[in-house]
Protein backbone atom coordinates (compact mmCIF):
# COMPACT_ATOMS: atom_id res chain seq x y z
CA MET A 1 -0.04 0.02 0.22
CA LEU A 2 1.46 3.72 -1.12
CA ASN A 3 2.42 4.93 1.74
CA PRO A 4 0.61 8.84 1.88
CA TYR A 5 3.43 10.50 3.88
CA PHE A 6 6.15 10.20 1.56
CA LEU A 7 4.29 11.60 -1.69
CA VAL A 8 3.16 14.69 0.82
CA THR A 9 7.05 15.02 1.91
CA PHE A 10 7.84 15.33 -1.96
CA LEU A 11 4.87 17.95 -2.39
CA TYR A 12 6.57 20.09 0.81
CA ILE A 13 10.18 19.75 -0.60
CA ALA A 14 8.88 21.69 -3.88
CA LEU A 15 7.56 23.72 -2.01
CA ALA A 16 10.64 24.22 -0.19
CA VAL A 17 12.46 25.03 -3.43
CA LEU A 18 10.81 27.28 -4.75
CA GLY A 19 10.90 28.93 -0.95
CA ALA A 20 14.96 29.09 -1.51
CA LEU A 21 14.09 30.23 -4.54
CA ASP A 22 11.81 32.98 -3.09
CA ALA A 23 14.35 34.33 -0.18
CA SER A 24 17.30 34.82 -3.04
CA LEU A 25 15.09 36.92 -5.60
CA ILE A 26 13.51 39.47 -2.49
CA SER A 27 16.96 40.14 -0.92
CA PHE A 28 17.88 40.96 -4.45
CA ASP A 29 15.02 43.20 -4.52
CA PHE A 30 12.97 41.84 -7.43
CA LEU A 31 10.82 40.57 -5.47
CA PRO A 32 8.74 42.61 -2.34
CA THR A 33 9.34 41.45 1.20
CA PHE A 34 5.78 39.67 3.11
CA ALA A 35 5.39 39.92 6.41
CA GLY A 36 5.37 35.64 8.08
CA LEU A 37 7.23 34.12 4.39
CA ARG A 38 10.38 34.08 6.79
CA TRP A 39 9.29 31.52 8.85
CA VAL A 40 6.81 29.71 6.37
CA ARG A 41 9.84 28.50 4.21
CA VAL A 42 11.76 27.08 7.49
CA HIS A 43 8.65 25.24 8.13
CA PHE A 44 8.48 23.85 4.88
CA ILE A 45 11.60 22.40 5.50
CA THR A 46 10.88 21.64 9.57
CA LEU A 47 6.77 21.06 9.96
CA GLY A 48 7.15 20.41 6.44
CA ALA A 49 9.23 17.43 4.68
CA LEU A 50 10.99 16.40 7.97
CA THR A 51 7.80 15.87 9.92
CA GLU A 52 5.71 14.69 7.66
CA LEU A 53 8.69 12.03 6.47
CA ALA A 54 9.16 11.23 10.19
CA PHE A 55 5.65 10.47 10.87
CA GLY A 56 5.28 8.35 8.26
CA ILE A 57 8.66 6.42 8.65
CA LEU A 58 8.98 5.63 12.49
CA PRO A 59 6.87 3.28 13.22
CA ILE A 60 8.31 1.72 10.06
CA VAL A 61 11.45 1.96 11.27
CA VAL A 62 10.84 0.65 14.97
CA THR A 63 8.69 -2.08 14.00
CA ALA A 64 11.19 -3.16 11.29
CA ARG A 65 14.42 -3.39 13.58
CA ALA A 66 12.23 -5.12 16.03
CA LYS A 67 11.01 -7.53 13.90
CA LEU A 68 7.50 -6.74 14.73
CA PRO A 69 4.32 -6.97 11.90
CA ARG A 70 4.32 -4.22 10.17
CA PRO A 71 1.95 -1.20 11.02
CA LYS A 72 -0.95 -0.49 8.99
CA VAL A 73 -1.37 3.59 8.24
CA ARG A 74 -3.03 5.40 10.11
CA TRP A 75 -5.14 7.58 8.81
CA ASP A 76 -6.12 9.29 11.62
CA ILE A 77 -2.58 11.03 12.59
CA TRP A 78 -2.61 11.60 8.56
CA LEU A 79 -5.21 13.85 8.20
CA THR A 80 -5.62 15.65 11.88
CA LEU A 81 -1.08 16.78 10.99
CA ASN A 82 -1.87 17.71 7.42
CA LEU A 83 -4.72 19.36 8.15
CA GLY A 84 -3.17 21.35 10.79
CA LEU A 85 -0.46 21.76 8.55
CA LEU A 86 -2.44 22.98 6.02
CA ILE A 87 -4.29 25.33 8.61
CA LEU A 88 -0.44 26.81 9.92
CA LEU A 89 0.98 27.63 6.40
CA ILE A 90 -2.17 29.59 6.07
CA GLY A 91 -2.12 31.19 9.29
CA ILE A 92 1.39 32.12 9.27
CA PRO A 93 1.93 34.43 6.07
CA MET A 94 -1.28 36.07 7.49
CA VAL A 95 -0.32 36.06 10.98
CA ASN A 96 -3.33 35.21 12.14
CA GLY A 97 -3.30 33.94 15.98
CA ALA A 98 -6.76 31.79 15.22
CA LEU A 99 -5.39 30.15 12.32
CA ILE A 100 -1.89 29.85 13.96
CA THR A 101 -3.66 28.41 16.97
CA ALA A 102 -6.11 25.92 15.48
CA GLY A 103 -3.36 24.37 13.05
CA GLY A 104 -0.77 23.86 16.35
CA THR A 105 -3.40 22.67 17.93
CA LEU A 106 -4.10 19.61 15.68
CA ILE A 107 -0.26 18.93 14.83
CA PHE A 108 -0.13 18.73 18.76
CA VAL A 109 -2.89 16.49 18.47
CA ALA A 110 -1.42 14.19 16.03
CA ALA A 111 2.54 14.02 17.96
CA THR A 112 0.31 12.26 20.50
CA LEU A 113 -1.39 9.96 18.08
CA LEU A 114 2.38 9.01 17.26
CA MET A 115 3.66 8.95 20.57
CA VAL A 116 1.04 6.76 21.60
CA GLN A 117 1.74 4.18 18.79
CA LEU A 118 5.66 4.25 19.31
CA TRP A 119 4.88 3.48 23.35
CA LYS A 120 2.84 0.68 22.56
CA LEU A 121 4.89 -0.91 19.75
CA ARG A 122 7.43 -2.78 22.04
CA SER A 123 9.27 -6.04 21.71
CA ARG A 124 10.75 -8.22 24.04
CA ARG A 125 13.53 -9.64 21.88
CA VAL A 126 16.27 -9.24 24.39
CA ASP A 127 19.47 -10.16 21.89
CA GLY A 128 20.79 -6.56 21.97
CA ASP A 129 18.90 -3.55 21.71
CA PRO A 130 17.14 -3.41 18.14
CA GLN A 131 14.78 -0.60 19.71
CA ALA A 132 17.37 1.48 20.57
CA GLY A 133 16.24 4.10 17.93
CA ARG A 134 12.37 4.34 19.69
CA LYS A 135 13.35 5.97 22.90
CA PHE A 136 15.07 8.82 20.64
CA TYR A 137 11.76 9.55 18.84
CA ILE A 138 9.37 9.35 21.54
CA MET A 139 11.56 12.22 23.58
CA GLY A 140 11.81 14.01 20.32
CA LEU A 141 8.35 14.01 20.11
CA ALA A 142 8.18 15.41 23.55
CA TYR A 143 10.06 18.00 22.47
CA LEU A 144 7.94 18.66 19.31
CA LEU A 145 5.15 18.79 22.39
CA LEU A 146 6.65 21.93 24.24
CA GLY A 147 7.85 23.29 20.73
CA ILE A 148 4.41 23.70 19.71
CA ILE A 149 3.01 25.09 22.64
CA VAL A 150 5.66 27.58 23.62
CA GLY A 151 5.05 28.46 19.12
CA THR A 152 1.68 28.90 19.62
CA GLY A 153 1.63 31.01 22.89
CA LEU A 154 3.46 33.14 20.82
CA TRP A 155 0.66 34.46 19.03
CA GLN A 156 -1.70 34.01 22.53
CA GLY A 157 0.25 35.46 25.24
CA TRP A 158 1.42 32.54 27.18
CA GLY A 159 4.60 33.56 27.79
CA VAL A 160 3.97 35.96 30.02
CA PRO A 161 1.88 33.16 32.52
CA LEU A 162 4.14 30.57 31.59
CA GLN A 163 7.13 32.99 33.29
CA ILE A 164 8.70 32.19 29.55
CA LYS A 165 11.82 35.09 29.56
CA VAL A 166 12.00 34.45 25.52
CA PRO A 167 9.56 32.27 23.98
CA LEU A 168 10.52 32.16 20.19
CA GLU A 169 14.14 30.78 21.43
CA VAL A 170 13.15 28.69 23.02
CA HIS A 171 10.14 27.46 20.72
CA ILE A 172 13.37 26.98 18.18
CA HIS A 173 15.58 25.17 20.69
CA ALA A 174 12.77 22.94 21.77
CA ASN A 175 12.20 22.04 18.11
CA ASN A 176 16.00 21.72 16.62
CA TRP A 177 17.73 20.54 19.59
CA GLY A 178 15.08 19.01 20.90
CA PHE A 179 12.67 17.14 18.18
CA MET A 180 15.30 17.49 15.24
CA SER A 181 18.38 15.89 16.83
CA MET A 182 16.91 13.51 18.64
CA VAL A 183 14.67 11.98 16.10
CA PHE A 184 18.00 12.41 13.56
CA ALA A 185 19.66 11.02 16.26
CA GLY A 186 17.53 8.23 16.68
CA LEU A 187 17.51 7.42 12.86
CA LEU A 188 21.27 7.31 12.47
CA ILE A 189 20.86 4.74 14.91
CA ASP A 190 18.45 2.44 13.44
CA LEU A 191 19.41 2.96 9.95
CA TYR A 192 23.13 2.85 9.85
CA PRO A 193 23.51 -1.22 9.77
CA SER A 194 21.36 -0.61 6.50
CA PHE A 195 23.48 1.62 4.74
CA THR A 196 26.92 0.49 5.77
CA GLY A 197 26.97 -3.08 6.35
CA ARG A 198 28.03 -1.71 9.52
CA SER A 199 27.57 -1.90 13.46
CA LEU A 200 28.06 1.30 15.11
CA ALA A 201 31.43 1.78 16.79
CA TRP A 202 30.29 1.38 20.35
CA PRO A 203 27.12 0.00 19.75
CA HIS A 204 26.24 -0.10 23.18
CA SER A 205 27.26 3.62 23.87
CA THR A 206 23.50 4.77 22.20
CA THR A 207 21.91 4.76 25.67
CA ARG A 208 24.41 7.10 27.30
CA ILE A 209 24.01 9.52 23.97
CA PHE A 210 20.50 8.96 24.30
CA TRP A 211 20.37 10.65 28.17
CA MET A 212 23.21 13.28 27.40
CA MET A 213 21.59 14.57 24.03
CA THR A 214 17.62 14.82 26.79
CA LEU A 215 19.29 16.46 29.22
CA GLY A 216 21.62 19.17 26.85
CA ALA A 217 18.48 19.62 24.41
CA LEU A 218 16.52 20.34 28.28
CA GLY A 219 18.98 22.77 29.36
CA LEU A 220 18.80 24.65 26.12
CA VAL A 221 15.57 25.34 26.61
CA LEU A 222 15.11 26.29 30.28
CA GLY A 223 18.13 28.77 29.17
CA PRO A 224 16.24 31.37 27.94
CA TRP A 225 12.98 30.31 29.49
CA PHE A 226 14.80 31.81 32.47
CA GLN A 227 17.12 33.42 30.30
CA SER A 228 19.83 31.73 32.78
CA ASN A 229 23.12 30.62 31.39
CA LEU A 230 23.14 28.20 34.53
CA PHE A 231 21.40 26.14 32.07
CA SER A 232 22.20 26.91 28.92
CA VAL A 233 26.50 26.40 28.84
CA PRO A 234 26.02 22.89 30.44
CA GLY A 235 22.60 22.53 27.94
CA LEU A 236 24.79 22.55 24.91
CA ILE A 237 28.10 21.27 26.59
CA LEU A 238 26.39 17.80 27.27
CA HIS A 239 24.07 18.06 24.25
CA LEU A 240 27.41 18.72 22.03
CA SER A 241 29.29 15.65 23.60
CA ALA A 242 26.60 13.73 23.15
CA THR A 243 26.24 14.05 19.23
CA ILE A 244 30.40 14.72 18.78
CA TRP A 245 30.01 10.89 20.58
CA LEU A 246 27.60 9.11 17.91
CA LEU A 247 29.08 10.97 14.80
CA LEU A 248 32.26 9.32 15.98
CA ASN A 249 30.11 5.82 15.97
CA VAL A 250 28.85 6.86 12.68
CA ILE A 251 32.76 7.59 11.46
CA LYS A 252 35.03 5.04 12.97
CA PRO A 253 33.37 2.22 11.47
CA LEU A 254 34.21 3.73 7.87
CA ILE A 255 37.98 4.99 8.33
CA GLY A 256 39.30 3.32 5.42
CA ASP A 257 35.68 2.56 3.40
CA HIS A 258 35.53 4.89 -0.32
CA LYS A 259 31.40 5.15 1.80
CA LEU A 260 33.53 7.62 3.83
CA ARG A 261 33.55 9.26 0.73
CA THR A 262 30.39 9.43 -0.72
CA PRO A 263 28.20 12.35 -1.14
CA GLY A 264 24.94 10.87 1.30
CA ILE A 265 27.49 10.00 3.96
CA LEU A 266 29.49 13.09 4.03
CA HIS A 267 25.70 15.39 3.69
CA LEU A 268 25.19 13.26 7.16
CA ILE A 269 27.86 13.94 8.76
CA THR A 270 29.33 17.14 7.39
CA SER A 271 25.52 18.99 7.84
CA TYR A 272 26.41 18.75 11.94
CA VAL A 273 29.45 21.23 10.96
CA TRP A 274 26.35 23.99 11.00
CA ILE A 275 25.47 22.83 14.66
CA LEU A 276 28.81 23.49 15.60
CA ALA A 277 29.23 27.73 14.01
CA PRO A 278 26.33 29.28 16.36
CA VAL A 279 28.16 27.23 19.21
CA LEU A 280 31.51 28.48 18.54
CA VAL A 281 30.63 32.17 18.48
CA ALA A 282 28.17 32.04 21.60
CA PRO A 283 30.54 32.92 23.99
CA LEU A 284 31.01 35.78 22.11
CA ILE A 285 27.46 36.69 22.26
CA ILE A 286 27.38 35.91 25.96
CA LEU A 287 29.98 38.31 26.72
CA GLY A 288 28.58 40.67 24.98
CA VAL A 289 31.95 41.55 23.15
CA PRO A 290 32.39 45.85 21.16
CA GLY A 291 31.16 45.18 17.77
CA PHE A 292 29.68 41.67 17.30
CA PRO A 293 27.06 41.26 15.54
CA GLY A 294 25.03 39.52 18.49
CA ALA A 295 21.40 40.63 17.03
CA GLY A 296 22.29 39.50 13.22
CA ILE A 297 23.68 36.34 14.43
CA GLU A 298 20.68 35.29 16.70
CA GLN A 299 18.14 36.99 13.71
CA ASN A 300 19.84 34.73 10.86
CA ALA A 301 21.65 31.82 12.23
CA PRO A 302 18.54 29.85 12.86
CA GLN A 303 18.42 30.16 9.03
CA ALA A 304 22.18 28.62 8.51
CA LEU A 305 20.53 26.02 10.49
CA ILE A 306 17.91 24.53 8.98
CA TYR A 307 19.90 24.75 5.62
CA GLY A 308 22.86 23.81 6.58
CA TRP A 309 22.05 21.18 9.38
CA VAL A 310 17.74 19.44 9.22
CA LEU A 311 17.56 20.21 5.32
CA GLN A 312 20.82 18.53 4.39
CA PHE A 313 20.71 15.64 6.44
CA GLY A 314 17.30 15.20 4.51
CA TYR A 315 19.69 15.27 1.88
CA GLY A 316 20.74 12.14 2.12
CA ILE A 317 18.59 10.18 3.97
CA ILE A 318 15.21 11.37 1.65
CA PRO A 319 15.96 9.82 -0.81
CA LEU A 320 17.61 6.33 0.94
CA LEU A 321 13.61 5.53 2.11
CA PHE A 322 12.11 6.97 -1.08
CA ARG A 323 14.07 3.69 -2.28
CA ARG A 324 13.21 1.60 -0.12
CA ALA A 325 9.25 2.11 -0.59
CA PHE A 326 9.07 2.68 -4.27
CA LEU A 327 12.44 0.74 -5.29
CA PRO A 328 12.48 -2.09 -2.36
CA ASP A 329 14.87 -4.53 -4.87
CA SER A 330 17.33 -1.42 -5.77
CA VAL A 331 20.74 -1.25 -3.40
CA PRO A 332 20.15 0.93 -0.01
CA THR A 333 21.72 4.39 -1.48
CA LEU A 334 22.07 7.72 0.70
CA GLY A 335 20.96 10.31 -2.05
CA GLY A 336 22.84 13.59 -3.20
CA ASN A 337 25.78 14.71 -4.79
CA TRP A 338 29.00 16.23 -4.78
CA PHE A 339 27.40 19.37 -6.37
CA SER A 340 23.95 19.30 -3.78
CA LEU A 341 27.07 18.79 -1.16
CA ALA A 342 29.35 21.71 -2.12
CA ALA A 343 25.85 23.64 -3.36
CA VAL A 344 24.57 23.74 0.66
CA HIS A 345 27.60 24.65 1.88
CA LEU A 346 28.69 27.61 0.32
CA GLY A 347 25.52 28.88 0.88
CA GLY A 348 26.31 28.14 4.36
CA ILE A 349 29.36 30.27 4.29
CA PHE A 350 27.41 33.08 2.50
CA LEU A 351 24.88 33.57 4.89
CA TRP A 352 27.40 33.89 7.24
CA ALA A 353 29.45 36.14 5.53
CA GLY A 354 26.64 38.46 5.10
CA ILE A 355 26.00 38.48 9.56
CA PHE A 356 29.50 39.80 9.76
CA LEU A 357 29.45 41.89 6.41
CA HIS A 358 26.94 43.92 7.00
CA ASP A 359 26.52 46.52 3.83
CA SER A 360 26.96 43.72 1.07
CA GLN A 361 24.87 41.43 3.78
CA ALA A 362 21.90 41.56 1.14
CA MET A 363 23.91 40.47 -1.65
CA LEU A 364 25.37 37.91 -0.06
CA HIS A 365 22.49 36.60 1.88
CA GLY A 366 21.00 36.40 -2.03
CA ILE A 367 23.79 34.14 -3.07
CA ALA A 368 23.29 32.08 -0.17
CA TYR A 369 19.56 31.40 -1.00
CA GLY A 370 20.40 30.98 -4.28
CA LEU A 371 22.67 28.03 -3.59
CA TRP A 372 20.83 26.34 -1.20
CA PHE A 373 17.72 26.42 -3.93
CA ILE A 374 20.18 25.04 -6.91
CA SER A 375 21.58 22.61 -3.95
CA MET A 376 17.84 21.15 -3.73
CA LEU A 377 17.48 21.03 -7.17
CA PRO A 378 19.30 17.57 -8.12
CA ILE A 379 17.79 16.40 -4.47
CA ALA A 380 14.11 17.07 -6.19
CA TYR A 381 14.46 15.37 -9.34
CA GLU A 382 16.67 12.15 -7.41
CA LEU A 383 13.29 11.69 -5.31
CA TRP A 384 10.99 12.23 -8.68
CA GLN A 385 13.18 9.58 -10.05
CA ILE A 386 12.65 7.85 -7.36
CA VAL A 387 8.88 7.96 -7.45
CA ARG A 388 8.26 7.75 -11.31
CA SER A 389 10.41 4.61 -11.38
CA GLY A 390 8.12 3.39 -8.36
CA ILE A 391 4.88 3.63 -8.33
CA ASP A 392 3.28 2.60 -10.80
CA SER A 393 4.52 -1.14 -9.50
CA LEU A 394 4.67 -0.46 -5.84
CA PRO A 395 4.84 -3.49 -4.20
CA ASP A 396 2.05 -4.58 -1.65
CA GLN A 397 4.70 -5.85 0.74
CA GLN A 398 7.32 -5.00 3.58
CA ALA A 399 9.67 -2.81 1.65
CA ILE A 400 11.27 -0.88 4.55
CA SER A 401 11.19 -3.51 6.54
CA THR A 402 13.40 -5.57 4.61
CA GLY A 403 16.03 -3.02 3.87
CA ILE A 404 15.92 -2.45 7.45
CA GLU A 405 16.26 -5.88 8.28
CA ALA A 406 18.96 -6.74 5.92
CA GLY A 407 21.15 -4.33 8.07
CA ASP A 408 21.02 -6.16 11.17
């Protein structure tokens, strides 16, 4: 049966392509600026493509790794999620609080239903930890719920009774450091054997990584909540340490292997460079170094984080999952090529250059979004080729499960 999440994921990727082009043309003054569009572009990637994919794939990954029966599509979750996304993406550019609240509420309900579904998918197997990624997904969804509450509260004034000092930053941290980081970590842990044919360097480290990342994300959320570095600094150290440990788990088994030098693997690994960029300048912002563009970084760094890290991680992982769904007999291969790898990183470099070179910011940011736009084109074309090749003969079997289990 055709998984409806994959087709909607492709739609949001197409919208993200157009959104990057739109941002580039606006920077060059070829198009007028519209209120709210900046955040719509980000949500095409986060709540659109990546969340849509996560909702569709996580129950399948969990059951495949535990060798449980493949779950049926939960149409109640799919409908609630997509109705919420549609209302939200209408409400954001209109800056309409009622629509944003309605859309956020529906997405909250869908995420809660998915958490319950994943919680029930428990295995009694004791040989190793076949459900190592499952706890990452559930915790990531918990942070998504928090991000939805705070994000919706931006339009309803909930920040005051909840005593949130910087609500927007709390919303961003809950979604990025909480939801996206946890889900990406779980996917790396669960899917790594299927596209490398190897185990992680230290498979038993995943539980410690989980708790370090969970507590780190909590600190990064509580930091702007109380506007206190007593939470932010230890949270950042914990989260960054866990992320580096996870990446070493991924890299070490591939040292000396040609797979480490392929665009797909490099997309996954080097995407995390764009997490390090804001981390390296954070002390300078905290210390209030004179002449340092702290406000510019706080305004633009999230864009580099989304396009450089979140979207680029998707460049590698989304085509892999599409192949398992539409071309189950094909070799499980990560997405991307050398062009997409170079262009997406150059986009991040130009955006950061624009933060520091304020007089040339519009031009540099226009180039950055233009590079991100062209970096998405080969990925969108790759996905289209996969869908076109497989949609007419999509087998009615456990396609994704077969590919994941083959890596066990």
